[in-house]
Amino acid sequence: GSELLWTGEELGAHLSEAHGLPVDAWAERVLPSFAAVCVAALQRAPEAADDSRARPASPIACCEVFGADLMLDAQLRPWLLELNESPNLAHHSSALKAALMAELADDLLKVVADPKFHPAAAGAR
């Protein structure tokens, strides 16, 4: 249920209050380890060897969205449970998921179209 969905800040507060970890454990330790596990998994995916997907013929930016299910063990080590090539981005009844989807859409537009993130997109307009 939605009671099991926490923001990163809420998880950080829980780790601090319930487990005595530093208040910045989420931002300084957990989030970077999640990112490292996801990057490593994507680099090892069979599609990673296909340069045509990594470097499209057009200079216009493109991207692909993946979803990752991760868990932490007692030592805060991340474990990748599943990497989804087609995560569910549909409307969610959870306010947290709805906010995350809106933030994801905003970030995707920045990566694909904002010249600050991708100068080639500016030249193609």
N, C-alpha and C. Protein backbone atom coordinates (compact mmCIF):
# COMPACT_ATOMS: atom_id res chain seq x y z
N GLY A 1 0.81 -1.19 0.00
CA GLY A 1 0.00 0.00 0.00
C GLY A 1 0.85 1.25 0.00
N SER A 2 0.20 2.40 -0.07
CA SER A 2 0.92 3.67 -0.13
C SER A 2 1.66 3.97 1.17
N GLU A 3 1.29 3.33 2.29
CA GLU A 3 2.01 3.56 3.53
C GLU A 3 3.44 3.04 3.45
N LEU A 4 3.74 2.21 2.45
CA LEU A 4 5.08 1.69 2.27
C LEU A 4 5.90 2.53 1.29
N LEU A 5 5.30 3.56 0.75
CA LEU A 5 6.00 4.44 -0.19
C LEU A 5 6.52 5.65 0.57
N TRP A 6 7.83 5.85 0.51
CA TRP A 6 8.47 6.98 1.17
C TRP A 6 9.28 7.76 0.16
N THR A 7 9.38 9.04 0.41
CA THR A 7 10.33 9.84 -0.36
C THR A 7 11.73 9.52 0.15
N GLY A 8 12.73 9.96 -0.57
CA GLY A 8 14.10 9.78 -0.10
C GLY A 8 14.33 10.45 1.24
N GLU A 9 13.74 11.63 1.40
CA GLU A 9 13.89 12.35 2.67
C GLU A 9 13.23 11.59 3.81
N GLU A 10 12.07 10.99 3.55
CA GLU A 10 11.39 10.20 4.59
C GLU A 10 12.21 8.96 4.95
N LEU A 11 12.79 8.32 3.96
CA LEU A 11 13.64 7.17 4.24
C LEU A 11 14.87 7.61 5.03
N GLY A 12 15.45 8.74 4.65
CA GLY A 12 16.59 9.26 5.39
C GLY A 12 16.25 9.54 6.85
N ALA A 13 15.08 10.12 7.09
CA ALA A 13 14.65 10.38 8.47
C ALA A 13 14.47 9.08 9.23
N HIS A 14 13.88 8.08 8.57
CA HIS A 14 13.70 6.77 9.21
C HIS A 14 15.05 6.14 9.55
N LEU A 15 15.98 6.17 8.61
CA LEU A 15 17.29 5.59 8.86
C LEU A 15 17.98 6.28 10.04
N SER A 16 17.76 7.58 10.15
CA SER A 16 18.37 8.33 11.24
C SER A 16 17.69 8.02 12.58
N GLU A 17 16.36 8.08 12.60
CA GLU A 17 15.60 7.90 13.84
C GLU A 17 15.62 6.45 14.32
N ALA A 18 15.36 5.51 13.41
CA ALA A 18 15.20 4.11 13.83
C ALA A 18 16.52 3.35 13.89
N HIS A 19 17.52 3.80 13.15
CA HIS A 19 18.77 3.04 13.07
C HIS A 19 20.01 3.83 13.46
N GLY A 20 19.80 5.09 13.89
CA GLY A 20 20.91 5.89 14.37
C GLY A 20 21.93 6.30 13.33
N LEU A 21 21.55 6.26 12.07
CA LEU A 21 22.47 6.66 11.01
C LEU A 21 22.50 8.17 10.87
N PRO A 22 23.55 8.70 10.30
CA PRO A 22 23.59 10.16 10.09
C PRO A 22 22.39 10.61 9.25
N VAL A 23 21.95 11.81 9.48
CA VAL A 23 20.77 12.32 8.80
C VAL A 23 20.97 12.40 7.29
N ASP A 24 22.22 12.50 6.84
CA ASP A 24 22.50 12.58 5.40
C ASP A 24 22.80 11.22 4.78
N ALA A 25 22.51 10.13 5.49
CA ALA A 25 22.81 8.78 4.97
C ALA A 25 22.11 8.52 3.64
N TRP A 26 20.88 9.01 3.48
CA TRP A 26 20.15 8.80 2.22
C TRP A 26 20.90 9.46 1.07
N ALA A 27 21.16 10.75 1.21
CA ALA A 27 21.76 11.51 0.11
C ALA A 27 23.22 11.16 -0.13
N GLU A 28 23.95 10.87 0.92
CA GLU A 28 25.39 10.66 0.79
C GLU A 28 25.79 9.20 0.56
N ARG A 29 24.94 8.27 0.96
CA ARG A 29 25.33 6.86 0.88
C ARG A 29 24.35 6.01 0.08
N VAL A 30 23.09 6.09 0.42
CA VAL A 30 22.11 5.20 -0.21
C VAL A 30 21.84 5.58 -1.66
N LEU A 31 21.48 6.82 -1.92
CA LEU A 31 21.16 7.24 -3.29
C LEU A 31 22.33 7.01 -4.25
N PRO A 32 23.56 7.40 -3.89
CA PRO A 32 24.68 7.10 -4.80
C PRO A 32 24.88 5.60 -5.04
N SER A 33 24.65 4.78 -4.02
CA SER A 33 24.81 3.33 -4.22
C SER A 33 23.71 2.79 -5.11
N PHE A 34 22.48 3.31 -4.99
CA PHE A 34 21.41 2.91 -5.89
C PHE A 34 21.78 3.25 -7.33
N ALA A 35 22.27 4.47 -7.53
CA ALA A 35 22.66 4.91 -8.88
C ALA A 35 23.76 4.03 -9.44
N ALA A 36 24.75 3.70 -8.64
CA ALA A 36 25.87 2.87 -9.11
C ALA A 36 25.40 1.48 -9.52
N VAL A 37 24.48 0.90 -8.75
CA VAL A 37 23.95 -0.43 -9.08
C VAL A 37 23.17 -0.36 -10.39
N CYS A 38 22.36 0.66 -10.56
CA CYS A 38 21.57 0.78 -11.79
C CYS A 38 22.46 1.01 -13.01
N VAL A 39 23.45 1.86 -12.88
CA VAL A 39 24.38 2.11 -14.00
C VAL A 39 25.11 0.82 -14.37
N ALA A 40 25.60 0.10 -13.36
CA ALA A 40 26.31 -1.15 -13.63
C ALA A 40 25.41 -2.16 -14.34
N ALA A 41 24.16 -2.25 -13.92
CA ALA A 41 23.22 -3.20 -14.55
C ALA A 41 22.96 -2.80 -16.00
N LEU A 42 22.75 -1.52 -16.25
CA LEU A 42 22.48 -1.07 -17.61
C LEU A 42 23.70 -1.25 -18.51
N GLN A 43 24.89 -1.08 -17.98
CA GLN A 43 26.09 -1.27 -18.78
C GLN A 43 26.30 -2.73 -19.15
N ARG A 44 25.74 -3.63 -18.38
CA ARG A 44 25.89 -5.05 -18.64
C ARG A 44 24.73 -5.64 -19.45
N ALA A 45 23.73 -4.82 -19.70
CA ALA A 45 22.57 -5.29 -20.47
C ALA A 45 23.00 -5.60 -21.90
N PRO A 46 22.39 -6.60 -22.52
CA PRO A 46 22.76 -6.94 -23.91
C PRO A 46 22.64 -5.75 -24.86
N GLU A 47 21.68 -4.86 -24.63
CA GLU A 47 21.50 -3.72 -25.51
C GLU A 47 22.66 -2.74 -25.41
N ALA A 48 23.41 -2.76 -24.29
CA ALA A 48 24.51 -1.82 -24.11
C ALA A 48 25.61 -2.04 -25.15
N ALA A 49 25.70 -3.25 -25.68
CA ALA A 49 26.71 -3.55 -26.68
C ALA A 49 26.32 -3.04 -28.06
N ASP A 50 25.07 -2.65 -28.25
CA ASP A 50 24.55 -2.20 -29.53
C ASP A 50 24.77 -0.69 -29.65
N ASP A 51 25.85 -0.29 -30.33
CA ASP A 51 26.18 1.12 -30.46
C ASP A 51 25.11 1.94 -31.18
N SER A 52 24.31 1.31 -32.02
CA SER A 52 23.30 2.07 -32.75
C SER A 52 22.25 2.64 -31.81
N ARG A 53 22.00 1.98 -30.69
CA ARG A 53 21.05 2.52 -29.71
C ARG A 53 21.71 3.61 -28.87
N ALA A 54 22.99 3.47 -28.61
CA ALA A 54 23.70 4.44 -27.79
C ALA A 54 23.99 5.72 -28.56
N ARG A 55 24.21 5.61 -29.86
CA ARG A 55 24.53 6.77 -30.68
C ARG A 55 23.62 6.80 -31.90
N PRO A 56 22.44 7.39 -31.75
CA PRO A 56 21.52 7.45 -32.90
C PRO A 56 22.11 8.28 -34.03
N ALA A 57 21.64 8.03 -35.25
CA ALA A 57 22.14 8.74 -36.43
C ALA A 57 21.86 10.24 -36.35
N SER A 58 20.75 10.62 -35.78
CA SER A 58 20.37 12.02 -35.68
C SER A 58 21.04 12.66 -34.47
N PRO A 59 21.42 13.92 -34.57
CA PRO A 59 22.02 14.60 -33.40
C PRO A 59 20.98 15.00 -32.35
N ILE A 60 19.72 14.82 -32.66
CA ILE A 60 18.66 15.16 -31.71
C ILE A 60 18.70 14.17 -30.56
N ALA A 61 18.49 14.67 -29.38
CA ALA A 61 18.54 13.82 -28.19
C ALA A 61 17.39 12.83 -28.16
N CYS A 62 17.67 11.67 -27.66
CA CYS A 62 16.63 10.68 -27.42
C CYS A 62 17.00 9.96 -26.12
N CYS A 63 16.03 9.30 -25.56
CA CYS A 63 16.30 8.61 -24.31
C CYS A 63 15.33 7.45 -24.15
N GLU A 64 15.59 6.65 -23.17
CA GLU A 64 14.74 5.52 -22.83
C GLU A 64 14.59 5.52 -21.33
N VAL A 65 13.39 5.25 -20.86
CA VAL A 65 13.12 5.24 -19.43
C VAL A 65 13.12 3.80 -18.94
N PHE A 66 13.87 3.57 -17.88
CA PHE A 66 13.88 2.27 -17.22
C PHE A 66 13.38 2.46 -15.80
N GLY A 67 12.84 1.40 -15.25
CA GLY A 67 12.44 1.41 -13.84
C GLY A 67 13.28 0.39 -13.11
N ALA A 68 13.60 0.69 -11.87
CA ALA A 68 14.41 -0.24 -11.08
C ALA A 68 13.75 -0.47 -9.74
N ASP A 69 13.69 -1.73 -9.35
CA ASP A 69 13.22 -2.10 -8.02
C ASP A 69 14.45 -2.50 -7.22
N LEU A 70 14.69 -1.77 -6.15
CA LEU A 70 15.87 -2.00 -5.33
C LEU A 70 15.46 -2.20 -3.88
N MET A 71 16.33 -2.84 -3.12
CA MET A 71 16.11 -2.96 -1.69
C MET A 71 17.44 -2.77 -0.99
N LEU A 72 17.37 -2.40 0.27
CA LEU A 72 18.57 -2.23 1.09
C LEU A 72 18.66 -3.36 2.09
N ASP A 73 19.88 -3.86 2.33
CA ASP A 73 20.03 -4.83 3.40
C ASP A 73 20.42 -4.07 4.68
N ALA A 74 20.65 -4.80 5.75
CA ALA A 74 20.92 -4.18 7.05
C ALA A 74 22.19 -3.33 7.04
N GLN A 75 23.12 -3.59 6.12
CA GLN A 75 24.35 -2.80 6.02
C GLN A 75 24.23 -1.67 5.00
N LEU A 76 23.00 -1.40 4.56
CA LEU A 76 22.69 -0.38 3.55
C LEU A 76 23.28 -0.69 2.18
N ARG A 77 23.53 -1.95 1.91
CA ARG A 77 23.97 -2.34 0.56
C ARG A 77 22.73 -2.48 -0.31
N PRO A 78 22.79 -1.92 -1.51
CA PRO A 78 21.64 -2.02 -2.41
C PRO A 78 21.62 -3.37 -3.13
N TRP A 79 20.44 -3.87 -3.34
CA TRP A 79 20.23 -5.10 -4.12
C TRP A 79 19.23 -4.79 -5.21
N LEU A 80 19.64 -5.03 -6.44
CA LEU A 80 18.74 -4.82 -7.57
C LEU A 80 17.83 -6.02 -7.68
N LEU A 81 16.53 -5.80 -7.52
CA LEU A 81 15.56 -6.87 -7.63
C LEU A 81 15.09 -7.05 -9.07
N GLU A 82 14.92 -5.93 -9.76
CA GLU A 82 14.37 -6.00 -11.11
C GLU A 82 14.68 -4.70 -11.84
N LEU A 83 14.99 -4.82 -13.12
CA LEU A 83 15.16 -3.66 -13.98
C LEU A 83 14.09 -3.77 -15.06
N ASN A 84 13.21 -2.77 -15.12
CA ASN A 84 12.07 -2.80 -16.03
C ASN A 84 12.35 -1.93 -17.26
N GLU A 85 12.26 -2.55 -18.42
CA GLU A 85 12.45 -1.79 -19.66
C GLU A 85 11.22 -0.95 -19.98
N SER A 86 10.07 -1.33 -19.47
CA SER A 86 8.83 -0.58 -19.71
C SER A 86 8.10 -0.37 -18.39
N PRO A 87 8.59 0.54 -17.55
CA PRO A 87 7.93 0.74 -16.26
C PRO A 87 6.55 1.36 -16.44
N ASN A 88 5.68 1.12 -15.48
CA ASN A 88 4.32 1.66 -15.52
C ASN A 88 4.37 3.15 -15.22
N LEU A 89 4.10 3.95 -16.23
CA LEU A 89 4.09 5.40 -16.07
C LEU A 89 2.67 5.96 -16.09
N ALA A 90 1.69 5.08 -15.98
CA ALA A 90 0.29 5.49 -16.02
C ALA A 90 -0.06 6.27 -14.76
N HIS A 91 -1.22 6.88 -14.78
CA HIS A 91 -1.72 7.62 -13.62
C HIS A 91 -1.78 6.70 -12.40
N HIS A 92 -1.35 7.22 -11.28
CA HIS A 92 -1.34 6.42 -10.05
C HIS A 92 -2.23 7.08 -9.02
N SER A 93 -2.82 6.24 -8.18
CA SER A 93 -3.68 6.77 -7.12
C SER A 93 -2.86 7.35 -5.97
N SER A 94 -1.60 6.98 -5.87
CA SER A 94 -0.74 7.49 -4.82
C SER A 94 -0.27 8.91 -5.17
N ALA A 95 -0.41 9.82 -4.22
CA ALA A 95 0.05 11.19 -4.44
C ALA A 95 1.56 11.23 -4.66
N LEU A 96 2.29 10.37 -3.94
CA LEU A 96 3.74 10.34 -4.11
C LEU A 96 4.12 9.87 -5.51
N LYS A 97 3.49 8.79 -6.00
CA LYS A 97 3.80 8.31 -7.35
C LYS A 97 3.41 9.35 -8.40
N ALA A 98 2.28 10.01 -8.20
CA ALA A 98 1.87 11.05 -9.16
C ALA A 98 2.89 12.17 -9.20
N ALA A 99 3.39 12.58 -8.04
CA ALA A 99 4.41 13.63 -7.99
C ALA A 99 5.70 13.17 -8.65
N LEU A 100 6.09 11.92 -8.43
CA LEU A 100 7.29 11.38 -9.05
C LEU A 100 7.16 11.33 -10.57
N MET A 101 5.98 10.94 -11.07
CA MET A 101 5.77 10.88 -12.52
C MET A 101 5.84 12.27 -13.13
N ALA A 102 5.29 13.28 -12.45
CA ALA A 102 5.37 14.65 -12.95
C ALA A 102 6.81 15.13 -12.99
N GLU A 103 7.57 14.82 -11.94
CA GLU A 103 8.99 15.21 -11.90
C GLU A 103 9.78 14.48 -12.98
N LEU A 104 9.46 13.20 -13.20
CA LEU A 104 10.12 12.43 -14.25
C LEU A 104 9.86 13.05 -15.62
N ALA A 105 8.61 13.40 -15.90
CA ALA A 105 8.28 14.01 -17.19
C ALA A 105 9.03 15.32 -17.38
N ASP A 106 9.09 16.14 -16.34
CA ASP A 106 9.81 17.40 -16.41
C ASP A 106 11.30 17.17 -16.67
N ASP A 107 11.90 16.22 -15.95
CA ASP A 107 13.32 15.92 -16.13
C ASP A 107 13.60 15.37 -17.52
N LEU A 108 12.70 14.53 -18.04
CA LEU A 108 12.89 13.99 -19.39
C LEU A 108 12.89 15.10 -20.44
N LEU A 109 11.96 16.02 -20.30
CA LEU A 109 11.92 17.14 -21.25
C LEU A 109 13.20 17.96 -21.18
N LYS A 110 13.73 18.15 -20.00
CA LYS A 110 14.99 18.88 -19.87
C LYS A 110 16.13 18.15 -20.57
N VAL A 111 16.21 16.86 -20.35
CA VAL A 111 17.30 16.07 -20.94
C VAL A 111 17.20 16.03 -22.45
N VAL A 112 15.99 15.89 -22.98
CA VAL A 112 15.81 15.73 -24.41
C VAL A 112 15.83 17.06 -25.16
N ALA A 113 15.24 18.11 -24.60
CA ALA A 113 15.05 19.32 -25.39
C ALA A 113 15.77 20.57 -24.88
N ASP A 114 16.15 20.62 -23.64
CA ASP A 114 16.76 21.82 -23.09
C ASP A 114 18.21 21.93 -23.55
N PRO A 115 18.57 23.01 -24.26
CA PRO A 115 19.94 23.15 -24.77
C PRO A 115 21.00 23.13 -23.66
N LYS A 116 20.61 23.50 -22.46
CA LYS A 116 21.57 23.46 -21.36
C LYS A 116 22.04 22.02 -21.11
N PHE A 117 21.15 21.06 -21.34
CA PHE A 117 21.49 19.66 -21.12
C PHE A 117 21.97 18.98 -22.40
N HIS A 118 21.54 19.48 -23.53
CA HIS A 118 21.88 18.84 -24.81
C HIS A 118 22.02 19.92 -25.89
N PRO A 119 23.20 20.45 -26.10
CA PRO A 119 23.41 21.54 -27.05
C PRO A 119 22.97 21.21 -28.47
N ALA A 120 23.02 19.94 -28.89
CA ALA A 120 22.62 19.58 -30.26
C ALA A 120 21.15 19.87 -30.50
N ALA A 121 20.34 19.79 -29.45
CA ALA A 121 18.90 20.07 -29.61
C ALA A 121 18.67 21.53 -29.95
N ALA A 122 19.51 22.42 -29.45
CA ALA A 122 19.35 23.84 -29.74
C ALA A 122 19.65 24.15 -31.21
N GLY A 123 20.65 23.49 -31.78
CA GLY A 123 21.00 23.73 -33.17
C GLY A 123 20.01 23.16 -34.14
N ALA A 124 19.19 22.21 -33.72
CA ALA A 124 18.24 21.57 -34.61
C ALA A 124 16.90 22.30 -34.67
N ARG A 125 16.72 23.31 -33.83
CA ARG A 125 15.42 24.01 -33.80
C ARG A 125 15.28 24.97 -34.92
